[in-house]
N, C-alpha and C. Protein backbone atom coordinates (compact mmCIF):
# COMPACT_ATOMS: atom_id res chain seq x y z
N MET A 1 0.84 -1.17 0.00
CA MET A 1 0.00 0.00 0.00
C MET A 1 0.89 1.24 0.00
N SER A 2 0.51 2.20 -0.78
CA SER A 2 1.33 3.39 -0.88
C SER A 2 1.09 4.30 0.34
N GLN A 3 2.01 5.21 0.52
CA GLN A 3 1.94 6.15 1.65
C GLN A 3 0.69 7.03 1.55
N ARG A 4 0.31 7.36 0.33
CA ARG A 4 -0.85 8.24 0.12
C ARG A 4 -2.14 7.57 0.57
N LEU A 5 -2.31 6.28 0.30
CA LEU A 5 -3.50 5.55 0.71
C LEU A 5 -3.57 5.39 2.22
N LYS A 6 -2.39 5.18 2.84
CA LYS A 6 -2.36 5.05 4.29
C LYS A 6 -2.80 6.34 4.97
N SER A 7 -2.37 7.49 4.48
CA SER A 7 -2.74 8.77 5.10
C SER A 7 -4.22 9.08 4.87
N ARG A 8 -4.77 8.71 3.72
CA ARG A 8 -6.19 8.96 3.45
C ARG A 8 -7.10 8.07 4.29
N SER A 9 -6.66 6.88 4.62
CA SER A 9 -7.51 5.97 5.38
C SER A 9 -7.74 6.45 6.81
N PHE A 10 -6.88 7.31 7.31
CA PHE A 10 -7.04 7.83 8.67
C PHE A 10 -7.77 9.17 8.71
N ILE A 11 -7.94 9.81 7.58
CA ILE A 11 -8.59 11.13 7.56
C ILE A 11 -10.07 11.01 7.86
N TRP A 12 -10.79 10.10 7.18
CA TRP A 12 -12.25 10.01 7.37
C TRP A 12 -12.66 9.59 8.78
N PRO A 13 -12.05 8.59 9.38
CA PRO A 13 -12.42 8.28 10.76
C PRO A 13 -12.11 9.43 11.73
N GLY A 14 -11.00 10.10 11.47
CA GLY A 14 -10.66 11.25 12.31
C GLY A 14 -11.66 12.39 12.16
N MET A 15 -12.11 12.63 10.94
CA MET A 15 -13.11 13.67 10.70
C MET A 15 -14.44 13.30 11.35
N LEU A 16 -14.83 12.05 11.24
CA LEU A 16 -16.08 11.60 11.87
C LEU A 16 -16.04 11.74 13.38
N MET A 17 -14.90 11.41 13.97
CA MET A 17 -14.75 11.56 15.43
C MET A 17 -14.81 13.03 15.82
N LEU A 18 -14.19 13.88 15.03
CA LEU A 18 -14.21 15.31 15.31
C LEU A 18 -15.64 15.86 15.24
N VAL A 19 -16.39 15.46 14.22
CA VAL A 19 -17.78 15.91 14.10
C VAL A 19 -18.61 15.40 15.27
N ALA A 20 -18.40 14.16 15.70
CA ALA A 20 -19.13 13.60 16.83
C ALA A 20 -18.82 14.35 18.11
N ILE A 21 -17.57 14.70 18.32
CA ILE A 21 -17.17 15.43 19.53
C ILE A 21 -17.79 16.82 19.53
N VAL A 22 -17.76 17.50 18.39
CA VAL A 22 -18.36 18.83 18.30
C VAL A 22 -19.87 18.76 18.53
N ALA A 23 -20.53 17.73 18.00
CA ALA A 23 -21.97 17.57 18.20
C ALA A 23 -22.29 17.31 19.67
N MET A 24 -21.51 16.48 20.33
CA MET A 24 -21.73 16.22 21.76
C MET A 24 -21.50 17.47 22.59
N PHE A 25 -20.49 18.24 22.25
CA PHE A 25 -20.20 19.48 22.96
C PHE A 25 -21.35 20.48 22.77
N GLY A 26 -21.87 20.57 21.54
CA GLY A 26 -23.00 21.46 21.27
C GLY A 26 -24.24 21.06 22.05
N LEU A 27 -24.52 19.77 22.12
CA LEU A 27 -25.66 19.30 22.89
C LEU A 27 -25.50 19.58 24.38
N ALA A 28 -24.28 19.42 24.87
CA ALA A 28 -24.03 19.69 26.29
C ALA A 28 -24.26 21.17 26.60
N LEU A 29 -23.80 22.05 25.72
CA LEU A 29 -24.03 23.48 25.94
C LEU A 29 -25.50 23.85 25.83
N TRP A 30 -26.22 23.17 24.95
CA TRP A 30 -27.63 23.46 24.75
C TRP A 30 -28.45 23.10 25.98
N HIS A 31 -28.01 22.08 26.73
CA HIS A 31 -28.75 21.62 27.89
C HIS A 31 -28.30 22.28 29.19
N LEU A 32 -27.34 23.18 29.14
CA LEU A 32 -26.93 23.88 30.34
C LEU A 32 -28.07 24.76 30.85
N PRO A 33 -28.23 24.85 32.16
CA PRO A 33 -29.31 25.69 32.66
C PRO A 33 -29.02 27.17 32.43
N VAL A 34 -30.02 27.88 32.00
CA VAL A 34 -29.90 29.32 31.80
C VAL A 34 -30.22 30.01 33.11
N PRO A 35 -29.61 31.15 33.37
CA PRO A 35 -29.96 31.86 34.59
C PRO A 35 -31.45 32.17 34.60
N ALA A 36 -32.02 32.08 35.77
CA ALA A 36 -33.47 32.29 35.90
C ALA A 36 -33.83 33.70 35.45
N SER A 37 -34.77 33.79 34.54
CA SER A 37 -35.23 35.10 34.09
C SER A 37 -36.74 35.19 34.30
N ALA A 38 -37.16 34.79 35.48
CA ALA A 38 -38.58 34.83 35.81
C ALA A 38 -38.76 35.36 37.23
N LEU A 39 -39.88 36.01 37.43
CA LEU A 39 -40.25 36.52 38.75
C LEU A 39 -41.58 35.91 39.15
N GLN A 40 -41.76 35.73 40.45
CA GLN A 40 -43.04 35.26 40.96
C GLN A 40 -43.61 36.33 41.88
N ILE A 41 -44.87 36.65 41.64
CA ILE A 41 -45.59 37.63 42.46
C ILE A 41 -46.57 36.84 43.31
N ARG A 42 -46.44 36.98 44.64
CA ARG A 42 -47.35 36.30 45.55
C ARG A 42 -47.83 37.28 46.61
N PRO A 43 -49.06 37.08 47.10
CA PRO A 43 -49.52 37.92 48.19
C PRO A 43 -48.77 37.57 49.48
N ALA A 44 -48.46 38.59 50.26
CA ALA A 44 -47.73 38.37 51.51
C ALA A 44 -48.63 37.76 52.58
N ARG A 45 -49.91 38.08 52.52
CA ARG A 45 -50.87 37.56 53.50
C ARG A 45 -51.98 36.83 52.77
N THR A 46 -52.57 35.87 53.45
CA THR A 46 -53.72 35.19 52.86
C THR A 46 -54.90 36.14 52.83
N GLY A 47 -55.73 35.98 51.85
CA GLY A 47 -56.89 36.85 51.69
C GLY A 47 -56.65 38.00 50.73
N THR A 48 -55.40 38.27 50.39
CA THR A 48 -55.09 39.31 49.42
C THR A 48 -55.18 38.70 48.03
N SER A 49 -55.93 39.35 47.15
CA SER A 49 -56.09 38.80 45.81
C SER A 49 -54.91 39.20 44.92
N LEU A 50 -54.62 38.35 43.95
CA LEU A 50 -53.53 38.61 43.02
C LEU A 50 -53.89 39.75 42.07
N PRO A 51 -52.89 40.49 41.61
CA PRO A 51 -53.18 41.50 40.59
C PRO A 51 -53.53 40.83 39.26
N ASP A 52 -54.25 41.54 38.44
CA ASP A 52 -54.63 41.02 37.13
C ASP A 52 -53.38 40.89 36.27
N GLY A 53 -53.25 39.76 35.57
CA GLY A 53 -52.09 39.52 34.72
C GLY A 53 -51.98 40.53 33.60
N PHE A 54 -53.12 40.95 33.05
CA PHE A 54 -53.09 41.94 31.98
C PHE A 54 -52.61 43.29 32.50
N TYR A 55 -52.98 43.64 33.72
CA TYR A 55 -52.52 44.88 34.32
C TYR A 55 -51.00 44.85 34.50
N VAL A 56 -50.49 43.73 34.96
CA VAL A 56 -49.03 43.59 35.15
C VAL A 56 -48.33 43.68 33.80
N TYR A 57 -48.87 42.98 32.79
CA TYR A 57 -48.28 43.01 31.45
C TYR A 57 -48.26 44.43 30.89
N GLN A 58 -49.39 45.11 31.00
CA GLN A 58 -49.51 46.46 30.45
C GLN A 58 -48.58 47.43 31.17
N SER A 59 -48.50 47.32 32.48
CA SER A 59 -47.65 48.23 33.26
C SER A 59 -46.17 48.03 32.94
N LEU A 60 -45.76 46.78 32.79
CA LEU A 60 -44.35 46.52 32.49
C LEU A 60 -44.01 46.89 31.05
N SER A 61 -44.91 46.62 30.12
CA SER A 61 -44.61 46.96 28.73
C SER A 61 -44.59 48.47 28.51
N GLN A 62 -45.34 49.23 29.30
CA GLN A 62 -45.27 50.70 29.22
C GLN A 62 -43.90 51.21 29.64
N ARG A 63 -43.23 50.45 30.49
CA ARG A 63 -41.89 50.85 30.93
C ARG A 63 -40.79 50.26 30.05
N GLY A 64 -41.18 49.61 28.96
CA GLY A 64 -40.21 49.09 28.00
C GLY A 64 -39.65 47.73 28.35
N ILE A 65 -40.30 47.00 29.23
CA ILE A 65 -39.84 45.67 29.63
C ILE A 65 -40.64 44.65 28.83
N HIS A 66 -39.93 43.82 28.07
CA HIS A 66 -40.59 42.83 27.22
C HIS A 66 -40.84 41.56 28.02
N ILE A 67 -42.04 41.03 27.90
CA ILE A 67 -42.47 39.88 28.68
C ILE A 67 -42.73 38.71 27.75
N LYS A 68 -42.22 37.53 28.11
CA LYS A 68 -42.52 36.32 27.33
C LYS A 68 -43.91 35.82 27.68
N SER A 69 -44.19 35.69 28.98
CA SER A 69 -45.51 35.19 29.39
C SER A 69 -45.77 35.53 30.84
N ILE A 70 -47.05 35.51 31.19
CA ILE A 70 -47.48 35.64 32.57
C ILE A 70 -48.46 34.50 32.81
N THR A 71 -48.12 33.64 33.77
CA THR A 71 -48.97 32.49 34.04
C THR A 71 -49.24 32.36 35.53
N PRO A 72 -50.45 31.96 35.89
CA PRO A 72 -50.71 31.70 37.31
C PRO A 72 -50.09 30.36 37.71
N LEU A 73 -49.51 30.31 38.88
CA LEU A 73 -48.92 29.08 39.39
C LEU A 73 -49.17 29.03 40.89
N ASN A 74 -49.87 28.00 41.33
CA ASN A 74 -50.23 27.82 42.73
C ASN A 74 -50.91 29.07 43.28
N ASP A 75 -50.23 29.82 44.11
CA ASP A 75 -50.84 31.00 44.72
C ASP A 75 -50.19 32.30 44.24
N GLY A 76 -49.67 32.31 43.03
CA GLY A 76 -49.00 33.51 42.53
C GLY A 76 -49.02 33.59 41.01
N LEU A 77 -48.39 34.65 40.52
CA LEU A 77 -48.21 34.85 39.08
C LEU A 77 -46.73 34.71 38.76
N VAL A 78 -46.42 34.00 37.68
CA VAL A 78 -45.04 33.87 37.23
C VAL A 78 -44.88 34.70 35.97
N VAL A 79 -43.95 35.64 36.01
CA VAL A 79 -43.68 36.53 34.88
C VAL A 79 -42.37 36.09 34.25
N GLN A 80 -42.45 35.54 33.03
CA GLN A 80 -41.27 35.11 32.29
C GLN A 80 -40.74 36.29 31.47
N LEU A 81 -39.45 36.56 31.60
CA LEU A 81 -38.81 37.68 30.90
C LEU A 81 -37.72 37.16 29.97
N ASN A 82 -37.21 38.04 29.12
CA ASN A 82 -36.21 37.64 28.13
C ASN A 82 -34.83 37.44 28.71
N SER A 83 -34.43 38.25 29.67
CA SER A 83 -33.06 38.16 30.19
C SER A 83 -33.04 38.50 31.67
N SER A 84 -31.90 38.23 32.29
CA SER A 84 -31.77 38.52 33.72
C SER A 84 -31.69 40.02 33.97
N SER A 85 -31.20 40.81 33.01
CA SER A 85 -31.17 42.26 33.20
C SER A 85 -32.60 42.82 33.20
N GLU A 86 -33.46 42.28 32.33
CA GLU A 86 -34.85 42.70 32.34
C GLU A 86 -35.56 42.24 33.60
N ARG A 87 -35.12 41.13 34.16
CA ARG A 87 -35.70 40.64 35.42
C ARG A 87 -35.47 41.65 36.54
N LYS A 88 -34.27 42.20 36.58
CA LYS A 88 -33.96 43.19 37.62
C LYS A 88 -34.78 44.47 37.42
N LEU A 89 -34.91 44.90 36.17
CA LEU A 89 -35.74 46.08 35.89
C LEU A 89 -37.19 45.82 36.22
N ALA A 90 -37.68 44.64 35.91
CA ALA A 90 -39.07 44.30 36.18
C ALA A 90 -39.33 44.23 37.68
N GLU A 91 -38.37 43.72 38.43
CA GLU A 91 -38.54 43.65 39.88
C GLU A 91 -38.68 45.05 40.48
N GLU A 92 -37.83 45.97 40.03
CA GLU A 92 -37.91 47.35 40.52
C GLU A 92 -39.23 47.99 40.10
N ALA A 93 -39.65 47.75 38.86
CA ALA A 93 -40.89 48.34 38.37
C ALA A 93 -42.10 47.78 39.11
N LEU A 94 -42.10 46.48 39.38
CA LEU A 94 -43.23 45.87 40.08
C LEU A 94 -43.34 46.38 41.51
N GLN A 95 -42.21 46.69 42.14
CA GLN A 95 -42.26 47.25 43.49
C GLN A 95 -42.92 48.62 43.48
N ASP A 96 -42.74 49.37 42.38
CA ASP A 96 -43.39 50.67 42.26
C ASP A 96 -44.86 50.53 41.87
N ILE A 97 -45.18 49.58 40.98
CA ILE A 97 -46.52 49.44 40.42
C ILE A 97 -47.51 48.84 41.41
N LEU A 98 -47.10 47.74 42.05
CA LEU A 98 -48.03 47.00 42.91
C LEU A 98 -48.17 47.66 44.27
N PRO A 99 -49.34 47.58 44.86
CA PRO A 99 -49.52 48.11 46.21
C PRO A 99 -48.76 47.25 47.23
N PRO A 100 -48.54 47.76 48.43
CA PRO A 100 -47.86 46.95 49.44
C PRO A 100 -48.67 45.68 49.74
N GLY A 101 -47.98 44.64 50.12
CA GLY A 101 -48.65 43.39 50.44
C GLY A 101 -48.36 42.28 49.45
N PHE A 102 -47.41 42.52 48.53
CA PHE A 102 -47.03 41.48 47.56
C PHE A 102 -45.55 41.20 47.68
N MET A 103 -45.20 39.92 47.56
CA MET A 103 -43.80 39.51 47.55
C MET A 103 -43.39 39.26 46.11
N ILE A 104 -42.25 39.81 45.72
CA ILE A 104 -41.72 39.63 44.37
C ILE A 104 -40.38 38.92 44.53
N GLN A 105 -40.30 37.68 43.99
CA GLN A 105 -39.09 36.89 44.16
C GLN A 105 -38.66 36.30 42.83
N TYR A 106 -37.38 35.91 42.77
CA TYR A 106 -36.89 35.19 41.61
C TYR A 106 -37.57 33.84 41.57
N PHE A 107 -37.79 33.34 40.38
CA PHE A 107 -38.46 32.06 40.23
C PHE A 107 -37.67 31.18 39.28
N GLU A 108 -37.39 29.95 39.69
CA GLU A 108 -36.72 28.98 38.83
C GLU A 108 -37.69 27.85 38.54
N GLN A 109 -37.70 27.40 37.30
CA GLN A 109 -38.59 26.31 36.92
C GLN A 109 -38.19 25.05 37.66
N PRO A 110 -39.12 24.35 38.25
CA PRO A 110 -38.80 23.12 38.99
C PRO A 110 -38.66 21.93 38.05
N THR A 111 -37.60 21.90 37.23
CA THR A 111 -37.46 20.84 36.23
C THR A 111 -37.07 19.51 36.86
N ALA A 112 -36.00 19.50 37.62
CA ALA A 112 -35.53 18.24 38.20
C ALA A 112 -36.52 17.72 39.24
N LYS A 113 -37.05 18.60 40.05
CA LYS A 113 -37.98 18.18 41.08
C LYS A 113 -39.25 17.60 40.47
N ALA A 114 -39.71 18.17 39.38
CA ALA A 114 -40.92 17.67 38.74
C ALA A 114 -40.68 16.28 38.18
N TRP A 115 -39.49 16.02 37.65
CA TRP A 115 -39.18 14.71 37.11
C TRP A 115 -39.15 13.67 38.21
N ILE A 116 -38.55 14.01 39.34
CA ILE A 116 -38.50 13.09 40.48
C ILE A 116 -39.91 12.86 41.02
N HIS A 117 -40.71 13.91 41.05
CA HIS A 117 -42.10 13.77 41.52
C HIS A 117 -42.88 12.81 40.62
N LYS A 118 -42.66 12.87 39.31
CA LYS A 118 -43.35 11.96 38.41
C LYS A 118 -42.92 10.52 38.67
N LEU A 119 -41.65 10.31 38.97
CA LEU A 119 -41.19 8.96 39.29
C LEU A 119 -41.85 8.45 40.56
N ASP A 120 -41.92 9.30 41.59
CA ASP A 120 -42.56 8.90 42.84
C ASP A 120 -44.04 8.61 42.64
N ARG A 121 -44.70 9.43 41.84
CA ARG A 121 -46.12 9.25 41.59
C ARG A 121 -46.38 7.94 40.87
N ASP A 122 -45.52 7.61 39.88
CA ASP A 122 -45.70 6.36 39.13
C ASP A 122 -45.39 5.14 39.99
N ARG A 123 -44.53 5.30 40.95
CA ARG A 123 -44.18 4.17 41.83
C ARG A 123 -45.38 3.77 42.68
N LEU A 124 -46.23 4.73 43.02
CA LEU A 124 -47.41 4.41 43.82
C LEU A 124 -48.41 3.55 43.06
N LYS A 125 -48.33 3.50 41.75
CA LYS A 125 -49.26 2.71 40.95
C LYS A 125 -48.92 1.23 40.95
N PHE A 126 -47.70 0.88 41.34
CA PHE A 126 -47.30 -0.52 41.34
C PHE A 126 -47.91 -1.24 42.54
N GLY A 127 -48.23 -2.50 42.37
CA GLY A 127 -48.68 -3.34 43.47
C GLY A 127 -50.09 -3.28 43.65
């Protein structure tokens, strides 16, 4: 076998391995957790009603804060924002907009806990 054929036979497997490594690296970066860019609005005391989601949306958008979504969750509203810098601006704006009696906190999606909860729930079905 000539030297040229020997060198070519190692190029394709090496290229395939390189593409596989780059693909795995890209997938790993894609699944990294993003910093939380959501706020949760909850009443500080029981009996206090939540603000209207449309009112919150309108008030924040008037101040130039872009909102992905506002959804009710348990006993509060979750405001999804585009970035963590907008989250800080929205927190300051909500403290001005909302009357006293509301807690505004960072909110992280319960991804891992929800998965474990599903496993526990399914385990109860056995037997």
